[in-house]
């Protein structure tokens, strides 16, 4: 009886492990399919996000205001 229960537990754990792995791979595939539709690479995506974050930080930080107006119009 205990052997059947141990076998069943192992099968359940394997099923859970494979389900989680399948879900992760499906999400990874979906992300890359969306990149294909946009015509971008993952590297370009991360670089654009860095650029947008930098622009947002510059817009919110008053220390950069001097450099956006030029030397004569500060």
PDB file of N, CA and C in Angstrom:
ATOM      1  N   UNK A   1       0.823  -1.194   0.000  1.00  0.00           N
ATOM      2  CA  UNK A   1       0.000   0.000   0.000  1.00  0.00           C
ATOM      3  C   UNK A   1       0.866   1.257   0.000  1.00  0.00           C
ATOM      4  N   UNK A   2       1.922   1.272   0.807  1.00  0.00           N
ATOM      5  CA  UNK A   2       2.793   2.436   0.871  1.00  0.00           C
ATOM      6  C   UNK A   2       3.551   2.635  -0.432  1.00  0.00           C
ATOM      7  N   UNK A   3       3.870   1.551  -1.136  1.00  0.00           N
ATOM      8  CA  UNK A   3       4.569   1.666  -2.412  1.00  0.00           C
ATOM      9  C   UNK A   3       3.699   2.351  -3.460  1.00  0.00           C
ATOM     10  N   UNK A   4       2.414   2.041  -3.444  1.00  0.00           N
ATOM     11  CA  UNK A   4       1.505   2.677  -4.402  1.00  0.00           C
ATOM     12  C   UNK A   4       1.352   4.162  -4.085  1.00  0.00           C
ATOM     13  N   UNK A   5       1.299   4.497  -2.827  1.00  0.00           N
ATOM     14  CA  UNK A   5       1.168   5.888  -2.415  1.00  0.00           C
ATOM     15  C   UNK A   5       2.421   6.680  -2.766  1.00  0.00           C
ATOM     16  N   UNK A   6       3.597   6.106  -2.579  1.00  0.00           N
ATOM     17  CA  UNK A   6       4.850   6.773  -2.922  1.00  0.00           C
ATOM     18  C   UNK A   6       4.954   6.983  -4.427  1.00  0.00           C
ATOM     19  N   UNK A   7       4.508   6.008  -5.181  1.00  0.00           N
ATOM     20  CA  UNK A   7       4.527   6.131  -6.646  1.00  0.00           C
ATOM     21  C   UNK A   7       3.579   7.244  -7.089  1.00  0.00           C
ATOM     22  N   UNK A   8       2.429   7.306  -6.469  1.00  0.00           N
ATOM     23  CA  UNK A   8       1.445   8.337  -6.803  1.00  0.00           C
ATOM     24  C   UNK A   8       1.985   9.728  -6.449  1.00  0.00           C
ATOM     25  N   UNK A   9       2.650   9.854  -5.307  1.00  0.00           N
ATOM     26  CA  UNK A   9       3.234  11.132  -4.907  1.00  0.00           C
ATOM     27  C   UNK A   9       4.302  11.594  -5.896  1.00  0.00           C
ATOM     28  N   UNK A  10       5.118  10.677  -6.339  1.00  0.00           N
ATOM     29  CA  UNK A  10       6.164  11.017  -7.300  1.00  0.00           C
ATOM     30  C   UNK A  10       5.555  11.468  -8.625  1.00  0.00           C
ATOM     31  N   UNK A  11       4.483  10.820  -9.038  1.00  0.00           N
ATOM     32  CA  UNK A  11       3.832  11.196 -10.293  1.00  0.00           C
ATOM     33  C   UNK A  11       3.186  12.575 -10.175  1.00  0.00           C
ATOM     34  N   UNK A  12       2.604  12.862  -9.038  1.00  0.00           N
ATOM     35  CA  UNK A  12       1.977  14.166  -8.830  1.00  0.00           C
ATOM     36  C   UNK A  12       3.034  15.258  -8.827  1.00  0.00           C
ATOM     37  N   UNK A  13       4.144  15.024  -8.143  1.00  0.00           N
ATOM     38  CA  UNK A  13       5.220  16.007  -8.110  1.00  0.00           C
ATOM     39  C   UNK A  13       5.811  16.234  -9.505  1.00  0.00           C
ATOM     40  N   UNK A  14       5.969  15.157 -10.273  1.00  0.00           N
ATOM     41  CA  UNK A  14       6.467  15.282 -11.638  1.00  0.00           C
ATOM     42  C   UNK A  14       5.482  16.072 -12.496  1.00  0.00           C
ATOM     43  N   UNK A  15       4.194  15.815 -12.315  1.00  0.00           N
ATOM     44  CA  UNK A  15       3.178  16.544 -13.071  1.00  0.00           C
ATOM     45  C   UNK A  15       3.208  18.038 -12.728  1.00  0.00           C
ATOM     46  N   UNK A  16       3.365  18.375 -11.463  1.00  0.00           N
ATOM     47  CA  UNK A  16       3.434  19.783 -11.055  1.00  0.00           C
ATOM     48  C   UNK A  16       4.679  20.443 -11.637  1.00  0.00           C
ATOM     49  N   UNK A  17       5.809  19.766 -11.543  1.00  0.00           N
ATOM     50  CA  UNK A  17       7.058  20.295 -12.070  1.00  0.00           C
ATOM     51  C   UNK A  17       6.963  20.534 -13.576  1.00  0.00           C
ATOM     52  N   UNK A  18       6.433  19.576 -14.306  1.00  0.00           N
ATOM     53  CA  UNK A  18       6.309  19.726 -15.754  1.00  0.00           C
ATOM     54  C   UNK A  18       5.291  20.799 -16.129  1.00  0.00           C
ATOM     55  N   UNK A  19       4.247  20.961 -15.334  1.00  0.00           N
ATOM     56  CA  UNK A  19       3.255  22.007 -15.600  1.00  0.00           C
ATOM     57  C   UNK A  19       3.861  23.396 -15.430  1.00  0.00           C
ATOM     58  N   UNK A  20       4.641  23.570 -14.374  1.00  0.00           N
ATOM     59  CA  UNK A  20       5.294  24.859 -14.151  1.00  0.00           C
ATOM     60  C   UNK A  20       6.297  25.147 -15.268  1.00  0.00           C
ATOM     61  N   UNK A  21       7.069  24.133 -15.661  1.00  0.00           N
ATOM     62  CA  UNK A  21       8.025  24.307 -16.754  1.00  0.00           C
ATOM     63  C   UNK A  21       7.340  24.660 -18.058  1.00  0.00           C
ATOM     64  N   UNK A  22       6.227  23.995 -18.346  1.00  0.00           N
ATOM     65  CA  UNK A  22       5.474  24.279 -19.567  1.00  0.00           C
ATOM     66  C   UNK A  22       4.923  25.696 -19.555  1.00  0.00           C
ATOM     67  N   UNK A  23       4.436  26.141 -18.411  1.00  0.00           N
ATOM     68  CA  UNK A  23       3.909  27.507 -18.288  1.00  0.00           C
ATOM     69  C   UNK A  23       5.009  28.536 -18.519  1.00  0.00           C
ATOM     70  N   UNK A  24       6.182  28.318 -17.950  1.00  0.00           N
ATOM     71  CA  UNK A  24       7.294  29.248 -18.141  1.00  0.00           C
ATOM     72  C   UNK A  24       7.724  29.318 -19.604  1.00  0.00           C
ATOM     73  N   UNK A  25       7.816  28.175 -20.252  1.00  0.00           N
ATOM     74  CA  UNK A  25       8.219  28.159 -21.665  1.00  0.00           C
ATOM     75  C   UNK A  25       7.146  28.806 -22.536  1.00  0.00           C
ATOM     76  N   UNK A  26       5.869  28.606 -22.197  1.00  0.00           N
ATOM     77  CA  UNK A  26       4.788  29.234 -22.962  1.00  0.00           C
ATOM     78  C   UNK A  26       4.843  30.761 -22.829  1.00  0.00           C
ATOM     79  N   UNK A  27       5.141  31.265 -21.630  1.00  0.00           N
ATOM     80  CA  UNK A  27       5.276  32.713 -21.435  1.00  0.00           C
ATOM     81  C   UNK A  27       6.475  33.251 -22.215  1.00  0.00           C
ATOM     82  N   UNK A  28       7.566  32.532 -22.192  1.00  0.00           N
ATOM     83  CA  UNK A  28       8.760  32.926 -22.934  1.00  0.00           C
ATOM     84  C   UNK A  28       8.469  32.972 -24.428  1.00  0.00           C
ATOM     85  N   UNK A  29       7.753  31.973 -24.931  1.00  0.00           N
ATOM     86  CA  UNK A  29       7.385  31.937 -26.350  1.00  0.00           C
ATOM     87  C   UNK A  29       6.452  33.092 -26.700  1.00  0.00           C
ATOM     88  N   UNK A  30       5.482  33.367 -25.823  1.00  0.00           N
ATOM     89  CA  UNK A  30       4.563  34.478 -26.066  1.00  0.00           C
ATOM     90  C   UNK A  30       5.264  35.815 -26.120  1.00  0.00           C
ATOM     91  N   UNK A  31       6.227  36.021 -25.223  1.00  0.00           N
ATOM     92  CA  UNK A  31       6.996  37.265 -25.213  1.00  0.00           C
ATOM     93  C   UNK A  31       7.768  37.433 -26.519  1.00  0.00           C
ATOM     94  N   UNK A  32       8.406  36.380 -26.960  1.00  0.00           N
ATOM     95  CA  UNK A  32       9.185  36.488 -28.188  1.00  0.00           C
ATOM     96  C   UNK A  32       8.295  36.591 -29.430  1.00  0.00           C
ATOM     97  N   UNK A  33       7.139  35.994 -29.401  1.00  0.00           N
ATOM     98  CA  UNK A  33       6.198  36.182 -30.518  1.00  0.00           C
ATOM     99  C   UNK A  33       5.725  37.635 -30.582  1.00  0.00           C
ATOM    100  N   UNK A  34       5.508  38.259 -29.421  1.00  0.00           N
ATOM    101  CA  UNK A  34       5.115  39.674 -29.434  1.00  0.00           C
ATOM    102  C   UNK A  34       6.252  40.544 -29.960  1.00  0.00           C
ATOM    103  N   UNK A  35       7.498  40.182 -29.663  1.00  0.00           N
ATOM    104  CA  UNK A  35       8.633  40.925 -30.212  1.00  0.00           C
ATOM    105  C   UNK A  35       8.712  40.763 -31.724  1.00  0.00           C
ATOM    106  N   UNK A  36       8.420  39.567 -32.219  1.00  0.00           N
ATOM    107  CA  UNK A  36       8.446  39.322 -33.661  1.00  0.00           C
ATOM    108  C   UNK A  36       7.395  40.186 -34.356  1.00  0.00           C
ATOM    109  N   UNK A  37       6.213  40.266 -33.754  1.00  0.00           N
ATOM    110  CA  UNK A  37       5.143  41.080 -34.337  1.00  0.00           C
ATOM    111  C   UNK A  37       5.548  42.554 -34.376  1.00  0.00           C
ATOM    112  N   UNK A  38       6.239  43.028 -33.334  1.00  0.00           N
ATOM    113  CA  UNK A  38       6.692  44.419 -33.276  1.00  0.00           C
ATOM    114  C   UNK A  38       7.921  44.672 -34.140  1.00  0.00           C
ATOM    115  N   UNK A  39       8.603  43.599 -34.544  1.00  0.00           N
ATOM    116  CA  UNK A  39       9.815  43.746 -35.353  1.00  0.00           C
ATOM    117  C   UNK A  39      11.006  44.222 -34.533  1.00  0.00           C
ATOM    118  N   UNK A  40      11.084  43.801 -33.292  1.00  0.00           N
ATOM    119  CA  UNK A  40      12.161  44.234 -32.404  1.00  0.00           C
ATOM    120  C   UNK A  40      12.903  43.019 -31.855  1.00  0.00           C
ATOM    121  N   UNK A  41      14.093  43.286 -31.320  1.00  0.00           N
ATOM    122  CA  UNK A  41      14.824  42.258 -30.596  1.00  0.00           C
ATOM    123  C   UNK A  41      14.696  42.541 -29.101  1.00  0.00           C
ATOM    124  N   UNK A  42      15.044  41.576 -28.288  1.00  0.00           N
ATOM    125  CA  UNK A  42      14.954  41.788 -26.845  1.00  0.00           C
ATOM    126  C   UNK A  42      15.961  42.845 -26.390  1.00  0.00           C
ATOM    127  N   UNK A  43      17.095  42.924 -27.056  1.00  0.00           N
ATOM    128  CA  UNK A  43      18.100  43.931 -26.715  1.00  0.00           C
ATOM    129  C   UNK A  43      17.552  45.340 -26.967  1.00  0.00           C
ATOM    130  N   UNK A  44      16.891  45.519 -28.107  1.00  0.00           N
ATOM    131  CA  UNK A  44      16.306  46.833 -28.413  1.00  0.00           C
ATOM    132  C   UNK A  44      15.225  47.198 -27.401  1.00  0.00           C
ATOM    133  N   UNK A  45      14.455  46.230 -26.982  1.00  0.00           N
ATOM    134  CA  UNK A  45      13.397  46.480 -26.010  1.00  0.00           C
ATOM    135  C   UNK A  45      13.972  47.010 -24.713  1.00  0.00           C
ATOM    136  N   UNK A  46      15.034  46.380 -24.209  1.00  0.00           N
ATOM    137  CA  UNK A  46      15.631  46.822 -22.958  1.00  0.00           C
ATOM    138  C   UNK A  46      16.314  48.172 -23.111  1.00  0.00           C
ATOM    139  N   UNK A  47      16.926  48.425 -24.250  1.00  0.00           N
ATOM    140  CA  UNK A  47      17.575  49.720 -24.459  1.00  0.00           C
ATOM    141  C   UNK A  47      16.541  50.838 -24.523  1.00  0.00           C
ATOM    142  N   UNK A  48      15.405  50.612 -25.188  1.00  0.00           N
ATOM    143  CA  UNK A  48      14.369  51.635 -25.239  1.00  0.00           C
ATOM    144  C   UNK A  48      13.819  51.910 -23.849  1.00  0.00           C
ATOM    145  N   UNK A  49      13.686  50.875 -23.037  1.00  0.00           N
ATOM    146  CA  UNK A  49      13.188  51.066 -21.687  1.00  0.00           C
ATOM    147  C   UNK A  49      14.180  51.889 -20.862  1.00  0.00           C
ATOM    148  N   UNK A  50      15.477  51.639 -21.023  1.00  0.00           N
ATOM    149  CA  UNK A  50      16.489  52.444 -20.330  1.00  0.00           C
ATOM    150  C   UNK A  50      16.419  53.899 -20.765  1.00  0.00           C
ATOM    151  N   UNK A  51      16.232  54.128 -22.063  1.00  0.00           N
ATOM    152  CA  UNK A  51      16.145  55.495 -22.586  1.00  0.00           C
ATOM    153  C   UNK A  51      14.915  56.214 -22.040  1.00  0.00           C
ATOM    154  N   UNK A  52      13.779  55.530 -22.006  1.00  0.00           N
ATOM    155  CA  UNK A  52      12.552  56.134 -21.480  1.00  0.00           C
ATOM    156  C   UNK A  52      12.695  56.456 -19.996  1.00  0.00           C
ATOM    157  N   UNK A  53      13.313  55.542 -19.251  1.00  0.00           N
ATOM    158  CA  UNK A  53      13.530  55.802 -17.824  1.00  0.00           C
ATOM    159  C   UNK A  53      14.442  57.003 -17.615  1.00  0.00           C
ATOM    160  N   UNK A  54      15.473  57.119 -18.435  1.00  0.00           N
ATOM    161  CA  UNK A  54      16.391  58.256 -18.328  1.00  0.00           C
ATOM    162  C   UNK A  54      15.661  59.569 -18.648  1.00  0.00           C
ATOM    163  N   UNK A  55      14.862  59.579 -19.697  1.00  0.00           N
ATOM    164  CA  UNK A  55      14.118  60.795 -20.057  1.00  0.00           C
ATOM    165  C   UNK A  55      13.149  61.201 -18.953  1.00  0.00           C
ATOM    166  N   UNK A  56      12.510  60.216 -18.326  1.00  0.00           N
ATOM    167  CA  UNK A  56      11.587  60.507 -17.239  1.00  0.00           C
ATOM    168  C   UNK A  56      12.338  61.083 -16.040  1.00  0.00           C
ATOM    169  N   UNK A  57      13.510  60.530 -15.748  1.00  0.00           N
ATOM    170  CA  UNK A  57      14.306  61.034 -14.621  1.00  0.00           C
ATOM    171  C   UNK A  57      14.787  62.453 -14.886  1.00  0.00           C
ATOM    172  N   UNK A  58      15.173  62.730 -16.115  1.00  0.00           N
ATOM    173  CA  UNK A  58      15.628  64.078 -16.467  1.00  0.00           C
ATOM    174  C   UNK A  58      14.475  65.070 -16.349  1.00  0.00           C
ATOM    175  N   UNK A  59      13.291  64.684 -16.778  1.00  0.00           N
ATOM    176  CA  UNK A  59      12.139  65.587 -16.717  1.00  0.00           C
ATOM    177  C   UNK A  59      11.731  65.888 -15.277  1.00  0.00           C
ATOM    178  N   UNK A  60      11.943  64.945 -14.368  1.00  0.00           N
ATOM    179  CA  UNK A  60      11.524  65.142 -12.983  1.00  0.00           C
ATOM    180  C   UNK A  60      12.598  65.786 -12.111  1.00  0.00           C
ATOM    181  N   UNK A  61      13.832  65.767 -12.551  1.00  0.00           N
ATOM    182  CA  UNK A  61      14.932  66.271 -11.730  1.00  0.00           C
ATOM    183  C   UNK A  61      15.253  67.707 -12.129  1.00  0.00           C
ATOM    184  N   UNK A  62      15.187  68.632 -11.179  1.00  0.00           N
ATOM    185  CA  UNK A  62      15.410  70.044 -11.486  1.00  0.00           C
ATOM    186  C   UNK A  62      16.887  70.352 -11.754  1.00  0.00           C
ATOM    187  N   UNK A  63      17.804  69.473 -11.366  1.00  0.00           N
ATOM    188  CA  UNK A  63      19.226  69.715 -11.625  1.00  0.00           C
ATOM    189  C   UNK A  63      19.527  69.710 -13.120  1.00  0.00           C
ATOM    190  N   UNK A  64      18.726  68.997 -13.902  1.00  0.00           N
ATOM    191  CA  UNK A  64      18.948  68.935 -15.337  1.00  0.00           C
ATOM    192  C   UNK A  64      18.309  70.098 -16.084  1.00  0.00           C
ATOM    193  N   UNK A  65      17.507  70.902 -15.422  1.00  0.00           N
ATOM    194  CA  UNK A  65      16.805  72.003 -16.087  1.00  0.00           C
ATOM    195  C   UNK A  65      17.786  73.008 -16.683  1.00  0.00           C
ATOM    196  N   UNK A  66      18.928  73.203 -16.080  1.00  0.00           N
ATOM    197  CA  UNK A  66      19.923  74.134 -16.577  1.00  0.00           C
ATOM    198  C   UNK A  66      20.431  73.699 -17.952  1.00  0.00           C
ATOM    199  N   UNK A  67      20.603  72.437 -18.109  1.00  0.00           N
ATOM    200  CA  UNK A  67      21.178  71.922 -19.352  1.00  0.00           C
ATOM    201  C   UNK A  67      20.158  71.823 -20.479  1.00  0.00           C
ATOM    202  N   UNK A  68      18.877  71.828 -20.156  1.00  0.00           N
ATOM    203  CA  UNK A  68      17.872  71.732 -21.209  1.00  0.00           C
ATOM    204  C   UNK A  68      17.591  73.096 -21.841  1.00  0.00           C
ATOM    205  N   UNK A  69      17.875  74.187 -21.136  1.00  0.00           N
ATOM    206  CA  UNK A  69      17.583  75.510 -21.652  1.00  0.00           C
ATOM    207  C   UNK A  69      18.789  76.171 -22.320  1.00  0.00           C
ATOM    208  N   UNK A  70      19.959  75.636 -22.130  1.00  0.00           N
ATOM    209  CA  UNK A  70      21.152  76.230 -22.694  1.00  0.00           C
ATOM    210  C   UNK A  70      21.828  77.169 -21.712  1.00  0.00           C
ATOM    211  N   UNK A  71      22.990  77.649 -22.081  1.00  0.00           N
ATOM    212  CA  UNK A  71      23.776  78.500 -21.175  1.00  0.00           C
ATOM    213  C   UNK A  71      23.170  79.888 -21.009  1.00  0.00           C
ATOM    214  N   UNK A  72      22.642  80.466 -22.079  1.00  0.00           N
ATOM    215  CA  UNK A  72      22.189  81.860 -22.040  1.00  0.00           C
ATOM    216  C   UNK A  72      20.770  82.004 -21.525  1.00  0.00           C
ATOM    217  N   UNK A  73      19.975  80.943 -21.563  1.00  0.00           N
ATOM    218  CA  UNK A  73      18.567  81.058 -21.187  1.00  0.00           C
ATOM    219  C   UNK A  73      18.258  80.394 -19.859  1.00  0.00           C
ATOM    220  N   UNK A  74      19.244  80.131 -19.043  1.00  0.00           N
ATOM    221  CA  UNK A  74      19.037  79.439 -17.762  1.00  0.00           C
ATOM    222  C   UNK A  74      18.221  80.272 -16.807  1.00  0.00           C
TER     223      UNK A  74
END
